[in-house]
C-alpha atoms as a PDB file:
ATOM      1  CA  MET A   1     113.218 147.704 131.419  1.00  0.00           C
ATOM      2  CA  ILE A   2     113.193 144.065 132.537  1.00  0.00           C
ATOM      3  CA  LYS A   3     110.048 142.316 133.727  1.00  0.00           C
ATOM      4  CA  LEU A   4     109.744 139.316 135.947  1.00  0.00           C
ATOM      5  CA  VAL A   5     106.515 137.662 134.770  1.00  0.00           C
ATOM      6  CA  PHE A   6     104.691 135.158 136.961  1.00  0.00           C
ATOM      7  CA  VAL A   7     101.846 133.336 135.181  1.00  0.00           C
ATOM      8  CA  ILE A   8      99.666 132.002 137.961  1.00  0.00           C
ATOM      9  CA  ARG A   9      97.240 129.179 138.619  1.00  0.00           C
ATOM     10  CA  LYS A  10      95.297 129.144 141.868  1.00  0.00           C
ATOM     11  CA  ARG A  11      95.339 126.335 144.379  1.00  0.00           C
ATOM     12  CA  ASP A  12      92.578 123.799 143.671  1.00  0.00           C
ATOM     13  CA  ASP A  13      91.153 124.130 147.169  1.00  0.00           C
ATOM     14  CA  LEU A  14      90.324 127.824 146.627  1.00  0.00           C
ATOM     15  CA  SER A  15      87.389 129.229 144.698  1.00  0.00           C
ATOM     16  CA  ALA A  16      88.198 131.753 141.988  1.00  0.00           C
ATOM     17  CA  LYS A  17      86.533 134.437 144.113  1.00  0.00           C
ATOM     18  CA  GLU A  18      88.658 133.654 147.183  1.00  0.00           C
ATOM     19  CA  PHE A  19      91.842 133.397 145.087  1.00  0.00           C
ATOM     20  CA  HIS A  20      91.328 136.835 143.510  1.00  0.00           C
ATOM     21  CA  ARG A  21      90.250 138.388 146.821  1.00  0.00           C
ATOM     22  CA  TYR A  22      93.337 137.117 148.651  1.00  0.00           C
ATOM     23  CA  TRP A  23      95.689 138.092 145.831  1.00  0.00           C
ATOM     24  CA  ILE A  24      94.495 141.710 145.632  1.00  0.00           C
ATOM     25  CA  GLU A  25      93.499 142.387 149.238  1.00  0.00           C
ATOM     26  CA  GLU A  26      96.117 140.441 151.210  1.00  0.00           C
ATOM     27  CA  HIS A  27      99.081 139.669 148.970  1.00  0.00           C
ATOM     28  CA  ALA A  28      99.220 142.915 146.971  1.00  0.00           C
ATOM     29  CA  PRO A  29      99.907 145.225 149.942  1.00  0.00           C
ATOM     30  CA  LEU A  30     102.573 142.839 151.265  1.00  0.00           C
ATOM     31  CA  ALA A  31     104.220 142.422 147.855  1.00  0.00           C
ATOM     32  CA  GLY A  32     104.032 146.139 147.164  1.00  0.00           C
ATOM     33  CA  ARG A  33     105.873 147.037 150.386  1.00  0.00           C
ATOM     34  CA  LEU A  34     108.521 144.357 149.941  1.00  0.00           C
ATOM     35  CA  LEU A  35     109.158 144.992 146.251  1.00  0.00           C
ATOM     36  CA  GLU A  36     109.319 148.751 146.651  1.00  0.00           C
ATOM     37  CA  GLY A  37     111.816 148.229 149.469  1.00  0.00           C
ATOM     38  CA  ILE A  38     114.205 146.382 147.144  1.00  0.00           C
ATOM     39  CA  GLY A  39     113.981 148.758 144.192  1.00  0.00           C
ATOM     40  CA  ALA A  40     111.274 147.295 141.955  1.00  0.00           C
ATOM     41  CA  ARG A  41     109.963 150.004 139.650  1.00  0.00           C
ATOM     42  CA  ARG A  42     106.440 148.636 139.179  1.00  0.00           C
ATOM     43  CA  TYR A  43     104.253 145.733 140.313  1.00  0.00           C
ATOM     44  CA  VAL A  44     101.141 144.878 138.312  1.00  0.00           C
ATOM     45  CA  GLN A  45      98.567 142.156 138.874  1.00  0.00           C
ATOM     46  CA  THR A  46      96.427 141.033 135.926  1.00  0.00           C
ATOM     47  CA  HIS A  47      93.383 139.015 136.990  1.00  0.00           C
ATOM     48  CA  THR A  48      91.719 136.682 134.479  1.00  0.00           C
ATOM     49  CA  LEU A  49      88.101 137.618 133.809  1.00  0.00           C
ATOM     50  CA  ASP A  50      85.277 135.192 134.548  1.00  0.00           C
ATOM     51  CA  THR A  51      83.862 134.984 131.023  1.00  0.00           C
ATOM     52  CA  ASP A  52      83.021 132.209 128.571  1.00  0.00           C
ATOM     53  CA  LEU A  53      85.096 134.098 126.008  1.00  0.00           C
ATOM     54  CA  ASN A  54      88.263 132.716 127.645  1.00  0.00           C
ATOM     55  CA  ALA A  55      87.276 129.125 126.833  1.00  0.00           C
ATOM     56  CA  ALA A  56      86.275 130.146 123.308  1.00  0.00           C
ATOM     57  CA  LEU A  57      89.657 131.822 122.752  1.00  0.00           C
ATOM     58  CA  ALA A  58      91.534 128.798 124.110  1.00  0.00           C
ATOM     59  CA  ASP A  59      89.493 126.424 121.946  1.00  0.00           C
ATOM     60  CA  ALA A  60      90.025 128.554 118.818  1.00  0.00           C
ATOM     61  CA  ARG A  61      93.789 128.474 119.280  1.00  0.00           C
ATOM     62  CA  GLY A  62      94.099 124.991 120.747  1.00  0.00           C
ATOM     63  CA  THR A  63      95.895 126.273 123.842  1.00  0.00           C
ATOM     64  CA  GLY A  64      96.165 124.603 127.227  1.00  0.00           C
ATOM     65  CA  GLU A  65      94.578 125.303 130.568  1.00  0.00           C
ATOM     66  CA  ILE A  66      93.655 128.931 131.249  1.00  0.00           C
ATOM     67  CA  PHE A  67      95.768 130.710 133.856  1.00  0.00           C
ATOM     68  CA  ASP A  68      94.091 132.586 136.698  1.00  0.00           C
ATOM     69  CA  GLY A  69      96.232 135.665 136.258  1.00  0.00           C
ATOM     70  CA  LEU A  70      99.707 137.039 135.937  1.00  0.00           C
ATOM     71  CA  ALA A  71     101.965 139.327 137.889  1.00  0.00           C
ATOM     72  CA  GLU A  72     104.652 141.590 136.505  1.00  0.00           C
ATOM     73  CA  VAL A  73     107.490 143.123 138.485  1.00  0.00           C
ATOM     74  CA  TRP A  74     109.528 145.725 136.624  1.00  0.00           C
ATOM     75  CA  TRP A  75     113.234 146.398 137.128  1.00  0.00           C
ATOM     76  CA  ASP A  76     115.570 148.930 135.490  1.00  0.00           C
ATOM     77  CA  SER A  77     117.961 146.192 134.349  1.00  0.00           C
ATOM     78  CA  LEU A  78     119.028 142.601 134.882  1.00  0.00           C
ATOM     79  CA  ALA A  79     121.840 143.911 137.064  1.00  0.00           C
ATOM     80  CA  ALA A  80     119.356 145.815 139.260  1.00  0.00           C
ATOM     81  CA  LEU A  81     117.184 142.714 139.607  1.00  0.00           C
ATOM     82  CA  ALA A  82     120.176 140.506 140.416  1.00  0.00           C
ATOM     83  CA  ALA A  83     121.487 142.981 143.003  1.00  0.00           C
ATOM     84  CA  ALA A  84     118.075 143.228 144.668  1.00  0.00           C
ATOM     85  CA  ALA A  85     117.446 139.487 144.625  1.00  0.00           C
ATOM     86  CA  THR A  86     120.798 138.618 146.186  1.00  0.00           C
ATOM     87  CA  SER A  87     120.825 141.356 148.823  1.00  0.00           C
ATOM     88  CA  GLU A  88     119.928 140.502 152.409  1.00  0.00           C
ATOM     89  CA  ALA A  89     116.669 142.445 152.100  1.00  0.00           C
ATOM     90  CA  GLY A  90     115.934 140.776 148.766  1.00  0.00           C
ATOM     91  CA  LEU A  91     116.482 137.291 150.146  1.00  0.00           C
ATOM     92  CA  ARG A  92     114.153 138.053 153.085  1.00  0.00           C
ATOM     93  CA  ALA A  93     111.542 139.554 150.736  1.00  0.00           C
ATOM     94  CA  GLY A  94     111.730 136.553 148.414  1.00  0.00           C
ATOM     95  CA  ALA A  95     111.264 134.085 151.254  1.00  0.00           C
ATOM     96  CA  THR A  96     108.311 136.063 152.636  1.00  0.00           C
ATOM     97  CA  LEU A  97     106.665 136.271 149.221  1.00  0.00           C
ATOM     98  CA  VAL A  98     107.075 132.554 148.491  1.00  0.00           C
ATOM     99  CA  GLU A  99     105.597 131.720 151.905  1.00  0.00           C
ATOM    100  CA  ASP A 100     102.577 133.951 151.291  1.00  0.00           C
ATOM    101  CA  GLU A 101     102.113 132.779 147.691  1.00  0.00           C
ATOM    102  CA  ALA A 102     101.786 129.211 148.957  1.00  0.00           C
ATOM    103  CA  ARG A 103      98.501 130.296 150.570  1.00  0.00           C
ATOM    104  CA  PHE A 104      96.840 130.879 147.183  1.00  0.00           C
ATOM    105  CA  ILE A 105      99.114 129.888 144.265  1.00  0.00           C
ATOM    106  CA  ASP A 106      99.757 126.404 142.874  1.00  0.00           C
ATOM    107  CA  HIS A 107     103.464 126.886 142.184  1.00  0.00           C
ATOM    108  CA  ALA A 108     103.827 123.541 140.384  1.00  0.00           C
ATOM    109  CA  ARG A 109     101.236 124.580 137.763  1.00  0.00           C
ATOM    110  CA  SER A 110     102.426 128.180 137.438  1.00  0.00           C
ATOM    111  CA  SER A 111     105.405 129.623 135.583  1.00  0.00           C
ATOM    112  CA  ILE A 112     107.910 132.426 136.223  1.00  0.00           C
ATOM    113  CA  PHE A 113     110.408 133.958 133.787  1.00  0.00           C
ATOM    114  CA  LEU A 114     112.161 137.200 132.788  1.00  0.00           C
ATOM    115  CA  THR A 115     111.138 139.258 129.762  1.00  0.00           C
ATOM    116  CA  GLU A 116     111.949 142.409 127.854  1.00  0.00           C
ATOM    117  CA  GLU A 117     109.202 144.413 126.138  1.00  0.00           C
ATOM    118  CA  HIS A 118     109.160 145.201 122.427  1.00  0.00           C
ATOM    119  CA  VAL A 119     106.283 147.609 121.802  1.00  0.00           C
ATOM    120  CA  VAL A 120     104.622 147.051 118.418  1.00  0.00           C
ATOM    121  CA  VAL A 121     101.422 149.102 118.791  1.00  0.00           C
ATOM    122  CA  GLY A 122     100.955 152.033 121.210  1.00  0.00           C
ATOM    123  CA  GLU A 123     103.446 153.787 123.379  1.00  0.00           C
END
């Protein structure tokens, strides 16, 4: 299983509440329909909690700015992802998603990359 991981920072002109509301209520249904239509196996949003523990964890490890969340899109293989992304439907879906993401995501401060899981604990 291959995952496209998108580590996200919100646009500065949005409150955290509005960012999370838009992402789950507006973007998720759109992304779900489009991704399912091009063969994605799973789409998961992970929203950062509003807790002082995040700053404490970042300080303890000396890490950078906290992200507002991350999205994962699962594919059966790199070949399946490549085929979907380069298909006519995939190109249309990608353009639609990028256009909608611009409403709530700061692309320049976010990051996107492909991963493969290696389970160490659990199933």
